[in-house]
């Protein structure tokens, strides 16, 4: 079978707008290295495998802290709760002390666990892949924590959104 050679008939803005029609959760990926804690907001988190337990997320190649993330021994994927827009915005910005005023502890891997978080997946690096203008990180989950209560912070069509829960089922 041969690859089909078709040029894209849309610009990057159109693609971004179309992708924005897919609602995503928001997570902060955090690690700790010799320079201290580092973290970044992602909405590209996904499960990969249950056996072995693998998850993935991606980071832009122009991210200032990308090289540090590629070298860490562990990281935590912290799933944000409804109402944590400020944390999401803080970790999405370049520079500054993103952990200032943030409640966090070191997890069993040493990676920063935000408190509270809807769920936290502590991972060790499993693989990195080329993803065009992003690097795809696959991590093996070695520890996790899940809150009993709470709703996720969601992103849809360029804005934070609330999850409408049907209490009947």
C-alpha atoms as a PDB file:
ATOM      1  CA  UNK A   1       0.000   0.000   0.000  1.00  0.00           C
ATOM      2  CA  UNK A   2       1.354   3.436  -0.880  1.00  0.00           C
ATOM      3  CA  UNK A   3       0.969   6.628   1.077  1.00  0.00           C
ATOM      4  CA  UNK A   4      -1.498   9.131  -0.311  1.00  0.00           C
ATOM      5  CA  UNK A   5       0.162  12.436  -1.131  1.00  0.00           C
ATOM      6  CA  UNK A   6      -2.413  15.138  -0.471  1.00  0.00           C
ATOM      7  CA  UNK A   7      -1.580  18.686   0.565  1.00  0.00           C
ATOM      8  CA  UNK A   8      -3.388  20.129   3.577  1.00  0.00           C
ATOM      9  CA  UNK A   9      -6.239  22.392   2.517  1.00  0.00           C
ATOM     10  CA  UNK A  10      -6.455  24.371   5.735  1.00  0.00           C
ATOM     11  CA  UNK A  11      -4.239  26.717   7.694  1.00  0.00           C
ATOM     12  CA  UNK A  12      -2.917  26.100  11.221  1.00  0.00           C
ATOM     13  CA  UNK A  13      -5.600  28.353  12.765  1.00  0.00           C
ATOM     14  CA  UNK A  14      -8.392  26.302  11.149  1.00  0.00           C
ATOM     15  CA  UNK A  15      -6.798  23.107  12.466  1.00  0.00           C
ATOM     16  CA  UNK A  16      -6.465  24.568  15.955  1.00  0.00           C
ATOM     17  CA  UNK A  17     -10.123  25.655  15.922  1.00  0.00           C
ATOM     18  CA  UNK A  18     -11.265  22.214  14.758  1.00  0.00           C
ATOM     19  CA  UNK A  19      -9.175  20.476  17.435  1.00  0.00           C
ATOM     20  CA  UNK A  20     -10.741  22.813  19.994  1.00  0.00           C
ATOM     21  CA  UNK A  21     -14.039  21.009  19.407  1.00  0.00           C
ATOM     22  CA  UNK A  22     -12.606  18.083  21.384  1.00  0.00           C
ATOM     23  CA  UNK A  23     -13.049  18.707  25.119  1.00  0.00           C
ATOM     24  CA  UNK A  24      -9.952  17.917  27.153  1.00  0.00           C
ATOM     25  CA  UNK A  25      -9.014  17.744  30.783  1.00  0.00           C
ATOM     26  CA  UNK A  26      -6.211  19.940  32.075  1.00  0.00           C
ATOM     27  CA  UNK A  27      -3.154  18.588  33.863  1.00  0.00           C
ATOM     28  CA  UNK A  28       0.052  19.974  35.279  1.00  0.00           C
ATOM     29  CA  UNK A  29       3.076  17.797  34.617  1.00  0.00           C
ATOM     30  CA  UNK A  30       5.651  18.429  37.330  1.00  0.00           C
ATOM     31  CA  UNK A  31       9.131  17.158  38.037  1.00  0.00           C
ATOM     32  CA  UNK A  32      12.077  17.960  40.296  1.00  0.00           C
ATOM     33  CA  UNK A  33      15.695  18.063  39.189  1.00  0.00           C
ATOM     34  CA  UNK A  34      18.960  19.584  40.437  1.00  0.00           C
ATOM     35  CA  UNK A  35      17.693  23.070  39.543  1.00  0.00           C
ATOM     36  CA  UNK A  36      14.476  22.617  41.553  1.00  0.00           C
ATOM     37  CA  UNK A  37      10.836  21.974  40.726  1.00  0.00           C
ATOM     38  CA  UNK A  38       9.501  22.514  37.218  1.00  0.00           C
ATOM     39  CA  UNK A  39       6.025  22.231  35.797  1.00  0.00           C
ATOM     40  CA  UNK A  40       3.902  22.882  32.746  1.00  0.00           C
ATOM     41  CA  UNK A  41       0.195  22.817  31.897  1.00  0.00           C
ATOM     42  CA  UNK A  42      -0.853  20.206  29.326  1.00  0.00           C
ATOM     43  CA  UNK A  43      -4.170  19.168  27.821  1.00  0.00           C
ATOM     44  CA  UNK A  44      -2.718  16.315  25.789  1.00  0.00           C
ATOM     45  CA  UNK A  45      -2.854  13.679  28.543  1.00  0.00           C
ATOM     46  CA  UNK A  46      -4.138  10.210  27.621  1.00  0.00           C
ATOM     47  CA  UNK A  47      -3.999   6.615  28.739  1.00  0.00           C
ATOM     48  CA  UNK A  48      -1.935   4.261  26.559  1.00  0.00           C
ATOM     49  CA  UNK A  49      -1.837   0.840  28.212  1.00  0.00           C
ATOM     50  CA  UNK A  50      -2.961  -0.951  31.364  1.00  0.00           C
ATOM     51  CA  UNK A  51      -0.269  -3.651  31.120  1.00  0.00           C
ATOM     52  CA  UNK A  52       2.255  -2.156  31.454  1.00  0.00           C
ATOM     53  CA  UNK A  53       0.561   0.922  32.951  1.00  0.00           C
ATOM     54  CA  UNK A  54       1.431   3.701  30.481  1.00  0.00           C
ATOM     55  CA  UNK A  55       0.176   7.257  29.960  1.00  0.00           C
ATOM     56  CA  UNK A  56       1.222   9.981  27.519  1.00  0.00           C
ATOM     57  CA  UNK A  57       1.301  13.737  27.117  1.00  0.00           C
ATOM     58  CA  UNK A  58       3.075  16.060  24.715  1.00  0.00           C
ATOM     59  CA  UNK A  59       5.119  19.235  25.101  1.00  0.00           C
ATOM     60  CA  UNK A  60       5.940  21.876  22.520  1.00  0.00           C
ATOM     61  CA  UNK A  61       9.507  21.815  21.227  1.00  0.00           C
ATOM     62  CA  UNK A  62       9.842  25.554  21.956  1.00  0.00           C
ATOM     63  CA  UNK A  63       9.040  25.030  25.660  1.00  0.00           C
ATOM     64  CA  UNK A  64      11.821  26.573  27.749  1.00  0.00           C
ATOM     65  CA  UNK A  65      11.933  23.629  30.180  1.00  0.00           C
ATOM     66  CA  UNK A  66      11.656  20.848  27.557  1.00  0.00           C
ATOM     67  CA  UNK A  67      15.323  19.820  27.811  1.00  0.00           C
ATOM     68  CA  UNK A  68      14.997  19.503  31.592  1.00  0.00           C
ATOM     69  CA  UNK A  69      11.840  17.373  31.276  1.00  0.00           C
ATOM     70  CA  UNK A  70      13.610  15.081  28.817  1.00  0.00           C
ATOM     71  CA  UNK A  71      16.272  14.363  31.467  1.00  0.00           C
ATOM     72  CA  UNK A  72      14.219  13.863  34.658  1.00  0.00           C
ATOM     73  CA  UNK A  73      14.028  10.498  36.438  1.00  0.00           C
ATOM     74  CA  UNK A  74      10.333  10.906  37.302  1.00  0.00           C
ATOM     75  CA  UNK A  75       7.389  13.230  36.855  1.00  0.00           C
ATOM     76  CA  UNK A  76       3.846  13.539  38.156  1.00  0.00           C
ATOM     77  CA  UNK A  77       0.794  14.193  36.003  1.00  0.00           C
ATOM     78  CA  UNK A  78      -1.608  16.163  38.220  1.00  0.00           C
ATOM     79  CA  UNK A  79      -5.201  16.246  36.916  1.00  0.00           C
ATOM     80  CA  UNK A  80      -6.684  19.620  37.830  1.00  0.00           C
ATOM     81  CA  UNK A  81     -10.015  20.152  39.533  1.00  0.00           C
ATOM     82  CA  UNK A  82     -12.796  22.507  38.561  1.00  0.00           C
ATOM     83  CA  UNK A  83     -11.868  25.892  40.023  1.00  0.00           C
ATOM     84  CA  UNK A  84      -8.113  25.505  39.485  1.00  0.00           C
ATOM     85  CA  UNK A  85      -7.976  27.783  36.438  1.00  0.00           C
ATOM     86  CA  UNK A  86      -5.405  29.966  38.208  1.00  0.00           C
ATOM     87  CA  UNK A  87      -3.050  27.009  38.633  1.00  0.00           C
ATOM     88  CA  UNK A  88      -3.534  26.054  34.992  1.00  0.00           C
ATOM     89  CA  UNK A  89      -2.783  29.607  33.857  1.00  0.00           C
ATOM     90  CA  UNK A  90       0.259  29.905  36.135  1.00  0.00           C
ATOM     91  CA  UNK A  91       1.888  26.715  34.841  1.00  0.00           C
ATOM     92  CA  UNK A  92       1.038  27.663  31.235  1.00  0.00           C
ATOM     93  CA  UNK A  93       3.131  30.850  31.445  1.00  0.00           C
ATOM     94  CA  UNK A  94       6.825  30.953  30.629  1.00  0.00           C
ATOM     95  CA  UNK A  95       9.277  31.889  33.364  1.00  0.00           C
ATOM     96  CA  UNK A  96       8.783  32.840  36.976  1.00  0.00           C
ATOM     97  CA  UNK A  97       8.367  30.652  40.043  1.00  0.00           C
ATOM     98  CA  UNK A  98       5.339  28.600  39.044  1.00  0.00           C
ATOM     99  CA  UNK A  99       5.266  26.875  42.434  1.00  0.00           C
ATOM    100  CA  UNK A 100       4.971  30.119  44.456  1.00  0.00           C
ATOM    101  CA  UNK A 101       1.783  29.930  46.512  1.00  0.00           C
ATOM    102  CA  UNK A 102       1.023  26.382  45.281  1.00  0.00           C
ATOM    103  CA  UNK A 103       0.432  23.625  47.827  1.00  0.00           C
ATOM    104  CA  UNK A 104       2.504  20.598  46.820  1.00  0.00           C
ATOM    105  CA  UNK A 105       4.480  17.734  48.284  1.00  0.00           C
ATOM    106  CA  UNK A 106       7.044  15.370  46.866  1.00  0.00           C
ATOM    107  CA  UNK A 107       5.511  12.068  45.876  1.00  0.00           C
ATOM    108  CA  UNK A 108       7.106   8.639  46.272  1.00  0.00           C
ATOM    109  CA  UNK A 109       9.140   9.311  43.093  1.00  0.00           C
ATOM    110  CA  UNK A 110      10.225  12.747  44.303  1.00  0.00           C
ATOM    111  CA  UNK A 111       8.050  14.463  41.675  1.00  0.00           C
ATOM    112  CA  UNK A 112       5.797  17.317  42.847  1.00  0.00           C
ATOM    113  CA  UNK A 113       2.212  16.311  43.635  1.00  0.00           C
ATOM    114  CA  UNK A 114      -0.174  19.259  43.667  1.00  0.00           C
ATOM    115  CA  UNK A 115      -2.669  19.403  46.519  1.00  0.00           C
ATOM    116  CA  UNK A 116      -5.438  19.031  45.795  1.00  0.00           C
ATOM    117  CA  UNK A 117      -5.594  17.292  42.422  1.00  0.00           C
ATOM    118  CA  UNK A 118      -8.408  15.132  41.059  1.00  0.00           C
ATOM    119  CA  UNK A 119      -5.835  12.405  40.390  1.00  0.00           C
ATOM    120  CA  UNK A 120      -2.051  12.211  40.312  1.00  0.00           C
ATOM    121  CA  UNK A 121      -0.056   9.713  38.272  1.00  0.00           C
ATOM    122  CA  UNK A 122       3.585   9.422  39.295  1.00  0.00           C
ATOM    123  CA  UNK A 123       5.607   8.123  36.363  1.00  0.00           C
ATOM    124  CA  UNK A 124       9.076   7.138  35.308  1.00  0.00           C
ATOM    125  CA  UNK A 125      10.069   7.826  31.693  1.00  0.00           C
ATOM    126  CA  UNK A 126       9.237   4.991  29.305  1.00  0.00           C
ATOM    127  CA  UNK A 127       9.805   6.600  25.876  1.00  0.00           C
ATOM    128  CA  UNK A 128       9.950   9.918  23.975  1.00  0.00           C
ATOM    129  CA  UNK A 129       8.727  10.238  20.388  1.00  0.00           C
ATOM    130  CA  UNK A 130       8.909  12.847  17.665  1.00  0.00           C
ATOM    131  CA  UNK A 131       5.555  14.561  17.342  1.00  0.00           C
ATOM    132  CA  UNK A 132       6.317  17.289  14.810  1.00  0.00           C
ATOM    133  CA  UNK A 133       6.457  20.566  16.724  1.00  0.00           C
ATOM    134  CA  UNK A 134       5.940  18.574  19.957  1.00  0.00           C
ATOM    135  CA  UNK A 135       7.699  15.779  21.824  1.00  0.00           C
ATOM    136  CA  UNK A 136       5.454  12.934  22.955  1.00  0.00           C
ATOM    137  CA  UNK A 137       6.304  11.612  26.416  1.00  0.00           C
ATOM    138  CA  UNK A 138       5.193   8.131  27.446  1.00  0.00           C
ATOM    139  CA  UNK A 139       5.500   7.387  31.150  1.00  0.00           C
ATOM    140  CA  UNK A 140       5.147   4.184  33.139  1.00  0.00           C
ATOM    141  CA  UNK A 141       2.850   4.796  36.109  1.00  0.00           C
ATOM    142  CA  UNK A 142       4.499   3.637  39.324  1.00  0.00           C
ATOM    143  CA  UNK A 143       2.186   5.271  41.873  1.00  0.00           C
ATOM    144  CA  UNK A 144      -1.167   7.023  41.806  1.00  0.00           C
ATOM    145  CA  UNK A 145      -3.552   8.931  44.028  1.00  0.00           C
ATOM    146  CA  UNK A 146      -7.236   9.615  43.327  1.00  0.00           C
ATOM    147  CA  UNK A 147      -9.565  12.011  45.180  1.00  0.00           C
ATOM    148  CA  UNK A 148     -13.000  10.673  46.086  1.00  0.00           C
ATOM    149  CA  UNK A 149     -14.769  13.945  45.265  1.00  0.00           C
ATOM    150  CA  UNK A 150     -14.536  16.645  42.643  1.00  0.00           C
ATOM    151  CA  UNK A 151     -15.041  17.441  38.993  1.00  0.00           C
ATOM    152  CA  UNK A 152     -12.338  17.972  36.362  1.00  0.00           C
ATOM    153  CA  UNK A 153     -11.179  21.265  34.949  1.00  0.00           C
ATOM    154  CA  UNK A 154     -12.102  21.091  31.254  1.00  0.00           C
ATOM    155  CA  UNK A 155     -11.087  23.025  28.162  1.00  0.00           C
ATOM    156  CA  UNK A 156     -13.346  23.346  25.105  1.00  0.00           C
ATOM    157  CA  UNK A 157     -13.360  25.812  22.193  1.00  0.00           C
ATOM    158  CA  UNK A 158     -10.691  28.008  23.766  1.00  0.00           C
ATOM    159  CA  UNK A 159     -12.252  28.344  27.234  1.00  0.00           C
ATOM    160  CA  UNK A 160     -12.447  26.566  30.554  1.00  0.00           C
ATOM    161  CA  UNK A 161     -15.723  24.704  30.971  1.00  0.00           C
ATOM    162  CA  UNK A 162     -17.734  22.945  33.671  1.00  0.00           C
ATOM    163  CA  UNK A 163     -18.792  19.331  33.531  1.00  0.00           C
ATOM    164  CA  UNK A 164     -22.579  18.956  33.590  1.00  0.00           C
ATOM    165  CA  UNK A 165     -23.252  15.791  35.574  1.00  0.00           C
ATOM    166  CA  UNK A 166     -26.475  13.852  35.202  1.00  0.00           C
ATOM    167  CA  UNK A 167     -27.229  12.686  38.731  1.00  0.00           C
ATOM    168  CA  UNK A 168     -29.638   9.965  37.487  1.00  0.00           C
ATOM    169  CA  UNK A 169     -27.034   7.555  36.339  1.00  0.00           C
END
